[in-house]
Amino acid sequence: MSGKAHRTINLLIVDDSAVVRKVLSEELSRYADINIVGTAVDPYVARDKIVKLQPDVLTLDIEMPRMDGLSFLAKLMRHYPMPVVVLSSLTPENSETALKALDMGAVEVLCKPGSSFSVEDVARDIVRAVRAAAGAAVHACPAPVPGQGRSEPLDIRLVHTTRKVVAIGASTGGTRALECVLKRFPASMDGVVVVQHMPAKFTAAFAGRLNGVCSLQVREAAHNDRVVPGRVLLAPGNRHMLLAREGGDYVVKLKDGPRVHYQRPSVDVLFKSVARHAGKNAVGVLLTGMGSDGADGLLAMHRQGAHTLAQDEQSCVVFGMPRAALALGAVDRVVPLDQVPSAVVHHLQEEAAAA
């Protein structure tokens, strides 16, 4: 499942719940490449154990006594930066807090084990996140921290002579990367469809966050939503999203079904549907992420005449997904993250001028 499977990853679990600490320790210890070096009941205990045990990765609860997880994460990333996987219960408040954790440098945010999810399923997700975190470029800054740096939309007008669709896929490190890209897209942008690997309910908060900082309208997709210029549709967590054609319009369809590459939503599911229904009228973009989800789909788009882009290794938090697409010959152009928006927009301009 991961190139990191042959390397032992030393993991420290930080959670105020004795039950959660016990469950996570027991479940994650079943994996040969995960070594639980210790647990901590709060950030103060965690601080001492980090210095003593020097773990490779930390799992961090958000709600803890004496110091909340977000405050601890801010201190940790400032003084002792390391890969952190945040575990959060599914509430609207925690969803927003989880997004702040990603802004602060957490590699990934996942649901805590609870009544809504089987411990086995959650454990598998956490193991994949821990493996991704162990190989993540923690010191990299793949996108500007919200409110800082250049973030104005490109001053470009797009003339829609031929309707285009821009399809974007991302995973680990993708929340910051997507914000970097979408904030630069002009309000006249062709319709955008996005899959970001993220738990259910977190995607609504993420869409709301993006909507507040982008000139485009960004929202969590609903079944039969139309894909139109000026709109970004984000696949809901735990639902696959596909592109379809109804008359002269593009729409999205949501469905359940098995996970693809351990993911639902899956980038491959979206990209393959874009290849089928939009063909050469599409642009495919594969951003940072662990694994290979999106590689086959980007190849399908490439073969149908779509223009395909992948984020370069240096700007990725995890280069897995773009690397897999490159290995298949699915990528027309590899670009640094900060050049992705202009690369997409300029291609659309050229297509419109040639139409």
Foldseek 3Di string as FASTA:
>chain_A
DAPQLVAAFEEEEEALDPVLVVLLQVQLVVRPRYDDPYYHNHLVRVVVCCVVVVGQEYEFEQDHPPDGRLVSLLVCCVPPFHAYEYEYAQDLVVLLVQVVSVLSQHQYYYYGDDPVDDSNLRSVVVVVSSSLRSQFPSPFDLADRPPDDDQAADPDAFDPPDQAEEEEEEEGSVLRLVLLQQSHHDQQAHFYEYEYFHAANSVQVSQVVSCVRHSARGGADDAFAWGGGRYYYYDGHQWAWAWDDDPPTIGIHTDHDDADQSGVHFLLRHLQRCCVHVQLRYEYEYEADAAATNLVSLQSNVVSNHAYEYEDPVSHRHCHHVVNNVVVVSHPYYYHSNCVNVVVVVVSRVVSVVD
